[in-house]
Protein backbone atom coordinates (compact mmCIF):
# COMPACT_ATOMS: atom_id res chain seq x y z
CA MET A 1 -6.35 17.08 -85.68
CA HIS A 2 -7.02 20.83 -86.93
CA LEU A 3 -5.97 23.75 -85.04
CA THR A 4 -8.36 26.49 -84.49
CA LEU A 5 -8.21 30.27 -83.38
CA ARG A 6 -9.27 29.49 -79.82
CA ASP A 7 -6.45 27.01 -79.57
CA VAL A 8 -3.73 29.66 -80.24
CA LEU A 9 -5.30 31.87 -78.21
CA GLU A 10 -4.74 29.00 -75.55
CA LEU A 11 -1.15 28.13 -76.27
CA PRO A 12 1.28 29.28 -73.05
CA VAL A 13 2.83 31.71 -75.56
CA MET A 14 -0.23 33.42 -76.02
CA ALA A 15 -1.90 33.30 -73.07
CA ALA A 16 1.24 34.82 -71.78
CA GLY A 17 -0.17 37.97 -74.06
CA SER A 18 -2.91 37.97 -71.77
CA PRO A 19 -5.63 38.31 -75.24
CA VAL A 20 -8.80 39.67 -74.95
CA VAL A 21 -11.38 39.03 -77.92
CA ARG A 22 -12.56 42.55 -78.72
CA SER A 23 -15.18 41.41 -81.36
CA ALA A 24 -16.63 38.18 -82.53
CA ALA A 25 -16.00 36.25 -79.96
CA ASP A 26 -18.23 33.26 -80.76
CA ALA A 27 -16.13 32.94 -84.04
CA VAL A 28 -13.13 31.72 -82.51
CA ASP A 29 -13.32 27.84 -82.95
CA VAL A 30 -12.65 28.23 -87.05
CA PRO A 31 -9.90 26.32 -88.35
CA VAL A 32 -6.29 28.06 -88.70
CA ARG A 33 -4.12 26.76 -91.39
CA SER A 34 -1.43 29.40 -91.47
CA VAL A 35 -0.37 32.20 -89.26
CA HIS A 36 1.51 35.66 -91.04
CA VAL A 37 2.76 38.65 -89.46
CA SER A 38 1.84 41.75 -91.55
CA GLU A 39 1.74 45.68 -91.26
CA LEU A 40 0.13 46.30 -94.58
CA SER A 41 -2.83 48.59 -94.42
CA ASP A 42 -4.12 46.39 -97.83
CA VAL A 43 -3.25 42.84 -97.80
CA ALA A 44 -5.01 42.06 -101.19
CA GLY A 45 -2.51 39.56 -102.86
CA THR A 46 -0.47 38.62 -99.12
CA LEU A 47 -2.73 36.36 -97.87
CA THR A 48 -3.65 32.41 -97.90
CA SER A 49 -7.12 31.42 -96.95
CA ASP A 50 -7.81 30.28 -93.15
CA VAL A 51 -4.72 32.86 -91.88
CA LEU A 52 -4.32 34.29 -88.66
CA VAL A 53 -2.83 37.82 -89.09
CA LEU A 54 -0.63 39.07 -86.21
CA SER A 55 0.32 42.67 -86.29
CA ILE A 56 1.50 45.35 -84.16
CA GLY A 57 -0.57 48.42 -85.59
CA ARG A 58 2.05 50.44 -87.69
CA ALA A 59 -0.46 50.73 -90.29
CA PHE A 60 -3.34 51.82 -88.06
CA THR A 61 -1.40 54.90 -87.38
CA GLU A 62 -0.96 55.92 -91.03
CA PRO A 63 -3.07 58.91 -91.95
CA GLY A 64 -6.14 58.61 -93.64
CA PHE A 65 -6.33 54.33 -92.32
CA ASP A 66 -9.77 53.21 -93.21
CA ALA A 67 -10.55 50.66 -90.50
CA VAL A 68 -13.61 49.49 -92.52
CA ALA A 69 -11.66 48.92 -95.47
CA TYR A 70 -8.95 47.56 -93.62
CA VAL A 71 -11.29 44.38 -91.85
CA ARG A 72 -12.85 44.08 -95.24
CA SER A 73 -9.29 43.50 -97.30
CA LEU A 74 -8.47 41.21 -94.46
CA ARG A 75 -11.80 38.88 -94.70
CA ASP A 76 -11.18 39.02 -98.65
CA ALA A 77 -7.83 38.20 -99.04
CA GLY A 78 -8.57 34.82 -96.41
CA ALA A 79 -7.87 36.08 -93.01
CA ILE A 80 -9.74 34.35 -90.70
CA GLY A 81 -9.06 36.91 -87.44
CA LEU A 82 -6.61 39.47 -86.29
CA VAL A 83 -4.15 39.75 -83.33
CA VAL A 84 -2.93 43.34 -82.44
CA GLU A 85 -0.20 43.85 -79.95
CA PRO A 86 -0.18 47.38 -78.99
CA GLY A 87 3.28 48.85 -77.97
CA GLN A 88 5.71 51.52 -78.90
CA HIS A 89 4.00 52.10 -82.42
CA LEU A 90 0.28 51.88 -80.82
CA LYS A 91 -0.68 52.64 -77.44
CA ALA A 92 -4.29 50.88 -77.64
CA VAL A 93 -6.47 49.33 -80.39
CA PRO A 94 -8.40 51.86 -82.11
CA ASN A 95 -11.92 51.90 -81.43
CA ALA A 96 -12.86 52.39 -85.10
CA LEU A 97 -11.13 48.87 -85.89
CA VAL A 98 -13.16 47.54 -83.01
CA GLN A 99 -16.26 49.01 -84.42
CA ALA A 100 -15.51 47.43 -87.90
CA ALA A 101 -14.59 44.42 -86.78
CA ARG A 102 -17.76 43.92 -84.62
CA ALA A 103 -19.72 45.15 -87.82
CA ALA A 104 -18.18 42.37 -89.74
CA ARG A 105 -18.49 39.45 -86.82
CA PHE A 106 -14.53 39.14 -88.06
CA PRO A 107 -12.23 38.16 -84.61
CA LEU A 108 -10.35 40.98 -83.39
CA VAL A 109 -7.79 39.72 -80.37
CA GLU A 110 -6.40 42.32 -78.17
CA LEU A 111 -3.00 41.59 -76.22
CA ARG A 112 -2.50 43.30 -73.44
CA SER A 113 1.33 42.24 -72.82
CA THR A 114 4.22 41.72 -74.76
CA VAL A 115 4.64 38.36 -76.99
CA ARG A 116 7.33 37.19 -79.33
CA PHE A 117 5.60 36.63 -83.05
CA ILE A 118 8.16 34.31 -84.26
CA GLU A 119 7.84 31.83 -81.56
CA VAL A 120 3.94 32.22 -82.42
CA THR A 121 4.15 31.16 -85.51
CA GLU A 122 7.00 28.19 -85.17
CA ILE A 123 4.87 26.95 -82.84
CA VAL A 124 1.23 27.26 -84.65
CA HIS A 125 3.09 25.97 -88.03
CA ALA A 126 4.83 23.13 -86.18
CA ARG A 127 1.31 22.57 -84.56
CA ILE A 128 -0.40 22.86 -87.86
CA VAL A 129 2.45 20.09 -89.79
CA ASN A 130 1.59 17.81 -87.07
CA ALA A 131 -2.10 18.08 -87.50
CA HIS A 132 -1.53 17.44 -91.30
CA TYR A 133 0.58 14.36 -90.82
CA GLU A 134 -2.25 13.07 -88.27
CA ARG A 135 -4.67 13.39 -90.66
CA LEU A 136 -2.57 11.46 -93.27
CA ARG A 137 -1.78 8.70 -90.53
CA LEU A 138 -6.04 8.63 -89.91
CA ALA A 139 -6.52 8.10 -93.30
CA GLU A 140 -3.86 5.39 -93.66
CA ARG A 141 -5.23 3.54 -90.87
CA ALA A 142 -8.51 3.87 -92.30
CA HIS A 143 -7.53 2.46 -95.35
CA GLU A 144 -6.07 -0.49 -93.61
CA ALA A 145 -9.26 -0.98 -91.17
CA PHE A 146 -11.83 -1.12 -94.49
CA SER A 147 -9.17 -2.61 -96.99
CA THR A 148 -10.45 -6.02 -96.46
CA VAL A 149 -14.14 -5.74 -97.32
CA GLY A 150 -14.61 -8.39 -98.96
CA SER A 151 -13.53 -10.60 -95.84
CA ALA A 152 -15.55 -12.22 -93.62
CA SER A 153 -14.76 -10.18 -91.04
CA GLN A 154 -16.00 -7.14 -92.45
CA ALA A 155 -19.38 -7.52 -91.30
CA PRO A 156 -21.33 -4.07 -90.89
CA ASP A 157 -20.56 -4.69 -86.78
CA ALA A 158 -16.83 -4.94 -87.84
CA VAL A 159 -17.14 -1.96 -89.94
CA LEU A 160 -19.04 0.05 -87.21
CA ALA A 161 -16.24 -1.03 -84.61
CA HIS A 162 -13.38 0.21 -86.57
CA ALA A 163 -15.18 3.64 -87.35
CA ALA A 164 -16.12 4.33 -83.84
CA ASP A 165 -12.58 3.12 -82.65
CA LEU A 166 -11.02 5.70 -85.38
CA ILE A 167 -12.92 8.87 -84.31
CA GLY A 168 -13.79 7.98 -80.97
CA LEU A 169 -17.42 8.45 -81.22
CA PRO A 170 -20.46 6.18 -81.49
CA VAL A 171 -21.48 5.43 -84.93
CA VAL A 172 -24.92 4.24 -85.84
CA LEU A 173 -26.09 2.57 -89.20
CA GLU A 174 -29.68 2.87 -90.28
CA ASP A 175 -31.67 2.43 -92.84
CA ARG A 176 -34.04 4.33 -95.10
CA THR A 177 -37.07 3.59 -92.63
CA HIS A 178 -34.83 5.03 -90.03
CA ARG A 179 -34.18 1.50 -88.09
CA ALA A 180 -30.83 1.09 -86.20
CA LEU A 181 -29.17 -1.76 -88.18
CA ALA A 182 -25.90 -1.85 -85.87
CA PHE A 183 -23.87 0.52 -83.74
CA ALA A 184 -20.60 0.66 -82.25
CA GLY A 185 -18.68 2.81 -79.72
CA VAL A 186 -18.45 4.59 -76.51
CA GLY A 187 -22.15 4.43 -74.14
CA SER A 188 -24.79 2.31 -73.75
CA ALA A 189 -27.51 0.87 -76.24
CA GLU A 190 -30.10 2.64 -73.93
CA SER A 191 -28.71 5.72 -74.04
CA LEU A 192 -27.30 5.83 -77.69
CA LEU A 193 -30.72 4.43 -79.11
CA ARG A 194 -33.50 6.19 -76.86
CA ASP A 195 -35.95 7.10 -78.85
CA TRP A 196 -33.98 6.37 -81.92
CA PRO A 197 -36.82 6.63 -85.05
CA ALA A 198 -38.21 9.58 -83.86
CA ARG A 199 -34.87 11.36 -83.42
CA SER A 200 -33.85 10.34 -86.44
CA ARG A 201 -36.76 11.50 -88.69
CA ARG A 202 -35.66 15.18 -87.56
CA VAL A 203 -32.38 14.39 -89.67
CA PRO A 204 -33.71 14.11 -93.42
CA PHE A 205 -31.86 11.80 -95.52
CA SER A 206 -28.97 13.78 -97.79
CA ALA A 207 -27.42 12.82 -101.03
CA ALA A 208 -23.73 13.88 -99.21
CA THR A 209 -21.82 14.10 -96.00
CA GLU A 210 -23.28 16.78 -93.80
CA VAL A 211 -24.22 18.20 -90.36
CA GLY A 212 -27.90 18.55 -89.36
CA GLY A 213 -30.69 18.37 -87.05
CA PRO A 214 -31.47 19.76 -83.46
CA GLU A 215 -28.59 17.36 -82.37
CA SER A 216 -25.99 18.37 -85.18
CA TRP A 217 -25.99 14.76 -86.32
CA MET A 218 -22.92 14.16 -88.55
CA CYS A 219 -24.55 11.76 -91.62
CA THR A 220 -23.42 10.25 -94.82
CA PRO A 221 -25.35 8.06 -97.33
CA VAL A 222 -24.52 4.44 -97.79
CA GLY A 223 -25.10 2.73 -100.65
CA PRO A 224 -24.56 2.90 -104.65
CA PRO A 225 -25.30 6.92 -105.94
CA ARG A 226 -29.04 5.65 -106.93
CA GLU A 227 -29.65 3.04 -104.30
CA ARG A 228 -28.98 4.59 -101.23
CA TRP A 229 -30.16 1.88 -99.04
CA GLY A 230 -29.25 3.48 -95.60
CA ARG A 231 -26.74 5.74 -94.06
CA LEU A 232 -23.93 6.16 -91.02
CA VAL A 233 -24.73 8.61 -88.11
CA VAL A 234 -22.44 9.96 -85.49
CA PRO A 235 -25.18 11.11 -82.87
CA ALA A 236 -22.69 13.61 -81.29
CA ARG A 237 -20.80 16.30 -81.76
CA SER A 238 -17.23 15.97 -83.07
CA ALA A 239 -14.65 18.12 -82.84
CA GLU A 240 -12.74 16.71 -85.24
CA GLN A 241 -15.30 17.27 -87.96
CA PRO A 242 -13.36 16.93 -91.55
CA ALA A 243 -11.50 13.74 -89.76
CA ALA A 244 -14.77 11.96 -88.75
CA TRP A 245 -16.44 13.17 -92.40
CA MET A 246 -13.04 11.00 -94.14
CA VAL A 247 -13.51 8.04 -91.56
CA LEU A 248 -17.63 7.76 -92.09
CA GLU A 249 -17.15 8.25 -95.98
CA ARG A 250 -14.58 5.37 -96.00
CA ALA A 251 -16.60 3.34 -93.80
CA ALA A 252 -20.18 4.11 -96.12
CA GLU A 253 -17.70 2.94 -99.21
CA ALA A 254 -17.06 -0.30 -97.05
CA LEU A 255 -20.42 -1.39 -96.45
CA THR A 256 -21.95 0.14 -100.08
CA VAL A 257 -19.18 -2.44 -101.86
CA GLY A 258 -19.76 -5.42 -98.90
CA LYS A 259 -23.19 -5.04 -99.71
CA LEU A 260 -22.61 -5.72 -103.41
CA LEU A 261 -20.08 -8.45 -102.78
CA GLU A 262 -22.86 -10.18 -101.15
CA ARG A 263 -21.37 -11.52 -98.30
CA SER A 264 -24.34 -13.20 -96.77
CA PRO A 265 -27.64 -14.23 -98.20
CA LEU A 266 -29.35 -12.32 -95.24
CA SER A 267 -29.70 -8.73 -95.79
CA VAL A 268 -28.40 -6.06 -93.37
CA GLU A 269 -31.78 -5.83 -91.73
CA ILE A 270 -32.46 -9.19 -90.85
CA GLU A 271 -28.76 -9.50 -89.90
CA ALA A 272 -29.07 -7.06 -87.29
CA GLN A 273 -32.36 -8.25 -86.02
CA GLY A 274 -30.34 -11.62 -85.78
CA ASP A 275 -28.02 -10.00 -83.54
CA LEU A 276 -30.59 -8.56 -81.01
CA LEU A 277 -32.21 -12.30 -80.91
CA ARG A 278 -28.66 -13.61 -80.24
CA ASP A 279 -27.87 -11.15 -77.61
CA LEU A 280 -31.29 -11.87 -76.06
CA LEU A 281 -30.25 -15.62 -75.77
CA HIS A 282 -27.22 -14.81 -73.79
CA GLY A 283 -29.16 -12.37 -71.42
CA ALA A 284 -29.49 -8.60 -71.86
CA ASP A 285 -30.93 -5.52 -69.73
CA GLU A 286 -34.36 -4.42 -70.10
CA GLY A 287 -33.27 -1.17 -71.16
CA SER A 288 -30.77 -1.82 -73.82
CA VAL A 289 -33.60 -4.12 -75.09
CA ARG A 290 -36.43 -1.95 -75.70
CA ALA A 291 -33.98 0.83 -77.07
CA ARG A 292 -32.39 -1.69 -79.50
CA ALA A 293 -35.66 -3.12 -80.26
CA ARG A 294 -37.75 0.04 -80.94
CA ALA A 295 -34.84 1.09 -82.79
CA LEU A 296 -35.38 -2.14 -85.05
CA GLY A 297 -38.91 -0.73 -85.88
CA LEU A 298 -40.59 -3.24 -83.49
CA ALA A 299 -43.44 -1.54 -82.30
CA SER A 300 -44.63 -1.29 -78.93
CA ALA A 301 -47.60 -3.61 -77.47
CA ALA A 302 -49.91 -4.80 -75.17
CA TYR A 303 -48.22 -8.48 -75.54
CA TYR A 304 -45.31 -9.92 -77.58
CA ALA A 305 -45.57 -13.50 -78.94
CA VAL A 306 -42.08 -15.27 -79.54
CA LEU A 307 -41.27 -18.36 -82.04
CA VAL A 308 -38.42 -20.34 -82.70
CA CYS A 309 -38.38 -22.89 -85.81
CA ARG A 310 -36.13 -25.20 -87.05
CA PRO A 311 -35.62 -26.35 -90.72
CA ALA A 312 -36.53 -29.45 -92.00
CA ARG A 313 -32.94 -29.45 -93.73
CA THR A 314 -29.60 -27.03 -93.09
CA GLY A 315 -29.71 -24.42 -95.13
CA GLN A 316 -33.23 -23.52 -95.39
CA GLU A 317 -33.18 -21.15 -92.52
CA ARG A 318 -33.46 -17.78 -94.66
CA ALA A 319 -36.31 -19.54 -96.69
CA LEU A 320 -37.94 -20.54 -93.30
CA LEU A 321 -37.36 -17.17 -92.10
CA ASP A 322 -39.42 -15.34 -94.97
CA ALA A 323 -42.15 -17.69 -94.16
CA VAL A 324 -42.71 -16.86 -90.85
CA LEU A 325 -41.92 -13.45 -90.51
CA THR A 326 -44.57 -10.42 -90.93
CA SER A 327 -43.85 -7.10 -91.42
CA ASP A 328 -44.41 -5.54 -87.98
CA GLY A 329 -42.05 -8.21 -86.11
CA ILE A 330 -38.40 -9.03 -85.96
CA GLY A 331 -36.82 -12.01 -86.91
CA GLY A 332 -33.08 -13.92 -87.31
CA VAL A 333 -31.32 -16.81 -87.79
CA LEU A 334 -30.16 -17.42 -84.11
CA ALA A 335 -27.67 -20.15 -85.31
CA GLU A 336 -27.64 -22.73 -87.99
CA GLY A 337 -30.73 -24.71 -87.43
CA ARG A 338 -32.41 -22.07 -85.55
CA VAL A 339 -34.72 -19.04 -86.81
CA ALA A 340 -36.58 -16.80 -84.15
CA ALA A 341 -39.04 -14.03 -84.55
CA VAL A 342 -41.03 -11.86 -82.21
CA PHE A 343 -44.31 -9.89 -83.01
CA PRO A 344 -46.70 -7.60 -81.16
CA CYS A 345 -49.95 -8.31 -80.28
CA SER A 346 -52.82 -6.75 -78.71
CA SER A 347 -53.63 -9.94 -76.26
CA ALA A 348 -53.16 -13.26 -75.16
CA ALA A 349 -56.15 -14.45 -77.61
CA ALA A 350 -54.48 -12.37 -80.55
CA GLU A 351 -51.06 -13.96 -79.64
CA LYS A 352 -52.43 -17.29 -80.01
CA ALA A 353 -54.24 -16.80 -83.45
CA LEU A 354 -51.30 -15.16 -84.79
CA LEU A 355 -48.96 -17.99 -83.84
CA GLU A 356 -51.48 -20.58 -85.40
CA ARG A 357 -51.90 -18.24 -88.72
CA VAL A 358 -47.98 -17.78 -88.66
CA VAL A 359 -47.17 -22.00 -88.67
CA ALA A 360 -50.37 -22.80 -90.82
CA GLY A 361 -48.67 -20.42 -93.65
CA VAL A 362 -45.37 -22.36 -93.62
CA PRO A 363 -45.01 -24.47 -96.73
CA ALA A 364 -44.86 -28.27 -96.22
CA GLY A 365 -41.46 -29.94 -95.99
CA LEU A 366 -39.63 -26.50 -94.41
CA ALA A 367 -40.24 -26.74 -90.78
CA ALA A 368 -38.83 -29.67 -88.86
CA ALA A 369 -40.26 -28.04 -85.15
CA PHE A 370 -42.25 -24.82 -83.94
CA GLY A 371 -41.39 -23.80 -80.62
CA ALA A 372 -43.72 -20.64 -78.67
CA ALA A 373 -43.22 -18.98 -75.54
CA GLY A 374 -45.40 -16.41 -74.09
CA PRO A 375 -47.07 -14.01 -74.72
CA VAL A 376 -45.13 -11.91 -72.70
CA ARG A 377 -45.79 -8.38 -71.66
CA ARG A 378 -42.65 -6.62 -71.41
CA LEU A 379 -39.31 -6.75 -73.50
CA GLY A 380 -37.35 -7.53 -70.74
CA GLU A 381 -39.19 -10.81 -70.66
CA LEU A 382 -37.97 -11.58 -74.34
CA PRO A 383 -34.67 -13.16 -73.09
CA ALA A 384 -36.15 -15.81 -71.17
CA ALA A 385 -39.01 -16.47 -73.17
CA LEU A 386 -36.59 -16.62 -76.16
CA GLN A 387 -34.79 -19.31 -73.80
CA GLU A 388 -37.80 -21.31 -73.59
CA ALA A 389 -39.10 -21.06 -77.41
CA VAL A 390 -35.44 -22.56 -77.98
CA HIS A 391 -35.87 -25.24 -75.63
CA VAL A 392 -39.37 -26.16 -77.11
CA ALA A 393 -38.15 -26.04 -80.74
CA ASP A 394 -35.23 -28.36 -80.07
CA VAL A 395 -37.03 -31.12 -78.11
CA GLU A 396 -37.88 -34.38 -80.83
CA SER A 397 -41.42 -34.89 -81.05
CA PRO A 398 -43.29 -37.80 -82.74
CA GLY A 399 -45.55 -36.62 -85.91
CA ALA A 400 -45.90 -33.89 -88.28
CA PRO A 401 -44.14 -30.65 -86.78
CA GLY A 402 -46.95 -28.07 -85.33
CA LEU A 403 -46.86 -25.25 -82.79
CA ARG A 404 -46.05 -26.08 -79.18
CA ARG A 405 -45.44 -24.88 -75.93
CA ALA A 406 -43.56 -26.13 -72.85
CA GLY A 407 -46.75 -27.41 -71.44
CA ASP A 408 -46.94 -29.59 -74.55
CA LEU A 409 -43.68 -31.52 -74.19
CA GLY A 410 -44.38 -33.76 -71.15
CA VAL A 411 -41.71 -35.91 -70.06
CA ARG A 412 -39.71 -35.15 -73.36
CA GLY A 413 -39.21 -31.98 -72.32
CA LEU A 414 -37.89 -33.05 -68.82
CA LEU A 415 -35.61 -35.71 -70.41
CA TRP A 416 -34.25 -32.79 -72.81
CA TRP A 417 -33.85 -30.85 -69.61
CA LEU A 418 -31.76 -33.49 -68.19
CA ARG A 419 -30.09 -34.75 -70.91
CA GLU A 420 -26.16 -34.29 -70.34
CA HIS A 421 -26.87 -34.89 -66.36
CA PRO A 422 -24.87 -38.18 -65.85
CA ARG A 423 -27.06 -39.98 -63.42
CA LEU A 424 -29.48 -39.80 -66.59
CA HIS A 425 -26.43 -41.21 -68.22
CA GLU A 426 -25.92 -43.72 -65.98
CA PHE A 427 -29.62 -44.92 -65.81
CA THR A 428 -30.17 -45.28 -69.77
CA GLU A 429 -26.81 -47.63 -70.15
CA ALA A 430 -27.97 -49.46 -67.26
CA GLN A 431 -31.63 -50.05 -68.82
CA LEU A 432 -30.22 -50.68 -72.42
CA ARG A 433 -26.51 -51.50 -72.14
CA PRO A 434 -27.52 -55.48 -73.28
CA LEU A 435 -28.36 -53.88 -76.59
CA LEU A 436 -26.28 -51.05 -77.22
CA THR A 437 -23.18 -53.60 -76.69
CA LEU A 438 -24.15 -56.16 -79.56
CA PRO A 439 -22.43 -56.26 -82.68
CA GLU A 440 -23.53 -54.07 -85.37
CA PRO A 441 -25.85 -54.41 -87.30
CA ARG A 442 -27.68 -56.44 -84.83
CA ALA A 443 -27.51 -53.62 -82.02
CA GLY A 444 -28.94 -51.46 -84.25
CA ARG A 445 -32.10 -53.74 -85.30
CA SER A 446 -32.53 -54.31 -81.50
CA PHE A 447 -32.82 -51.13 -80.48
CA ALA A 448 -35.16 -50.02 -83.56
CA THR A 449 -37.35 -53.12 -82.41
CA LEU A 450 -37.73 -51.91 -78.96
CA ARG A 451 -38.07 -48.19 -79.89
CA ALA A 452 -40.92 -49.33 -82.33
CA PHE A 453 -42.66 -51.30 -79.43
CA VAL A 454 -42.56 -48.27 -76.93
CA GLU A 455 -43.43 -45.59 -79.52
CA SER A 456 -46.59 -47.91 -80.70
CA GLY A 457 -48.19 -47.56 -77.19
CA TYR A 458 -47.38 -51.19 -76.57
CA SER A 459 -49.92 -52.25 -78.95
CA MET A 460 -48.93 -55.61 -80.61
CA THR A 461 -51.41 -54.32 -83.83
CA GLU A 462 -49.49 -51.30 -84.10
CA PHE A 463 -45.77 -52.67 -83.50
CA ALA A 464 -46.27 -55.55 -86.05
CA LYS A 465 -48.01 -52.52 -88.49
CA VAL A 466 -45.10 -50.78 -88.20
CA LEU A 467 -42.44 -53.33 -88.27
CA ASN A 468 -44.18 -54.97 -91.16
CA LEU A 469 -44.61 -58.19 -89.39
CA SER A 470 -47.32 -60.84 -88.70
CA ARG A 471 -47.89 -60.88 -85.08
CA PRO A 472 -46.38 -64.35 -84.51
CA ALA A 473 -43.21 -62.60 -85.66
CA ALA A 474 -43.60 -59.54 -83.85
CA TYR A 475 -44.18 -61.70 -80.79
CA SER A 476 -40.79 -63.39 -81.73
CA ARG A 477 -38.90 -60.37 -82.24
CA LEU A 478 -40.13 -58.85 -78.89
CA ALA A 479 -39.10 -62.34 -76.88
CA THR A 480 -35.49 -61.99 -78.17
CA ILE A 481 -35.84 -58.68 -76.60
CA GLU A 482 -36.51 -59.62 -73.37
CA ARG A 483 -34.33 -62.64 -73.47
CA LEU A 484 -31.44 -60.03 -74.22
CA LEU A 485 -32.55 -57.87 -71.72
CA GLY A 486 -33.70 -60.26 -69.19
CA VAL A 487 -36.68 -58.29 -68.33
CA ASP A 488 -40.77 -58.76 -68.82
CA LEU A 489 -42.21 -56.45 -71.51
CA SER A 490 -45.25 -57.03 -69.75
CA ASP A 491 -44.67 -55.42 -66.43
CA SER A 492 -45.70 -52.07 -66.15
CA ASP A 493 -42.65 -50.52 -64.21
CA THR A 494 -40.40 -52.14 -66.82
CA ARG A 495 -42.10 -50.79 -69.71
CA LEU A 496 -41.91 -47.14 -68.44
CA SER A 497 -38.19 -47.71 -67.43
CA LEU A 498 -37.24 -48.98 -71.23
CA HIS A 499 -39.68 -46.05 -72.53
CA LEU A 500 -37.86 -43.29 -70.46
CA ALA A 501 -34.53 -44.82 -71.33
CA VAL A 502 -35.13 -45.22 -74.99
CA LEU A 503 -36.30 -41.27 -75.11
CA ALA A 504 -33.22 -40.18 -73.14
CA HIS A 505 -31.04 -42.03 -75.53
CA GLY A 506 -32.57 -40.24 -78.51
CA HIS A 507 -32.20 -36.98 -76.60
CA ARG A 508 -28.45 -37.77 -75.79
CA ASP A 509 -27.72 -38.53 -79.48
CA SER A 510 -29.59 -35.34 -80.81
CA ALA A 511 -27.24 -33.22 -78.56
CA SER A 512 -24.32 -34.69 -79.21
CA GLY A 513 -24.72 -34.81 -83.34
CA SER A 514 -24.99 -38.36 -83.88
CA PRO A 515 -28.10 -40.37 -84.81
CA ALA A 516 -29.86 -42.40 -82.62
CA GLN A 517 -29.30 -46.29 -82.78
């Protein structure tokens, strides 16, 4: 968006003069804010800052011309370069001027052919005006993008997406411990976040926007001045540095205000970890998983433990996550009613002991179920392990909540997998239709009676105790169920069929969100 001396030299009108850089060729990327034609040997008081001076060299032929003093006066007056067109008044650029420019590392350009200086100034000034307009337009777009900071759409991911789109470069949000919390922009996560903590530590935190480190990262702090909790990073060189600075600073303001407004009860770190875990549920390539997990602070380990929990009541997700998450693990809310965590561990035995210790430390009444998967040995196995742990946690199980794995589910796990299958629905309806089609509340009472019988292990003593009935009354209830269903409950095949139908009916209602009869 800003014009540099290099850009000016590459303009067709200037390139027609076959320009040759005689000194400071490595300094031609300086910005040019104006162009001025001058034939004075002392330009003090006649120039503005960042001006490119054009000359045909009349002053160089004056008696007593001092090349060193002339170059000094150009620099002191604000010039960033000198373009000389030898011609009628000057056959060649004086060697003394070349030597003085080289000693001062001041860009000196010699034209080998004639150009029209008036055309150069018109084109350059038009470009500068257009660049100024583009900067204003970018500022307006940034204001529009970040002005709704208090809305739900302005989560960190949305802010970074706006910033990356505006500057056309990747943007990363990291915390003070060099964990990459969110990112957006071009490129893959694997290449963008490769060895992120190690690379980030080579760029010290600063209180202001600046470029630093061996990769020339552009960084700006995030958070109130006395409570900086992170920074935004552009891990790439920007050709439009002032524009990128402006966008980054506006994005940092949006993130700071958004955090102060407490848009979510979850911290930015937990939100970022939850984003990764949610992406894992939908599948992710191993390179991306490894880069993002490392960038979020998950340590390398021989094994990883995967845990998914269901809170006992809606709204307890954050409390449950706080209870299970350890300092070396990552965790997040997968969705309402599901919390997940991944922990590094040294062995399969250590994984088992770690998860049992975590589950034992959860306060009573906070969790409804714990599902585990693993241990896994590669980060690329995390998506499948997480899906398995979600399945285990979702399957309803009688009794107090405890740590369960897929092998502990038995037939309940099979029925959960098949809960949407039409053949299972047909089987369930065929077995239970006489009860489910009764008018309420009789249907509910009859189904509850059957469920109590199968869940008591067909023990009349336990069945009567659950329903708080005498044994004769319990036998009478079962006789009514047998009559309604037209079956013999003493038959083992009948009991098995009804038991499966009762379990399947409960899974179907859990999946649909309606309570079981």
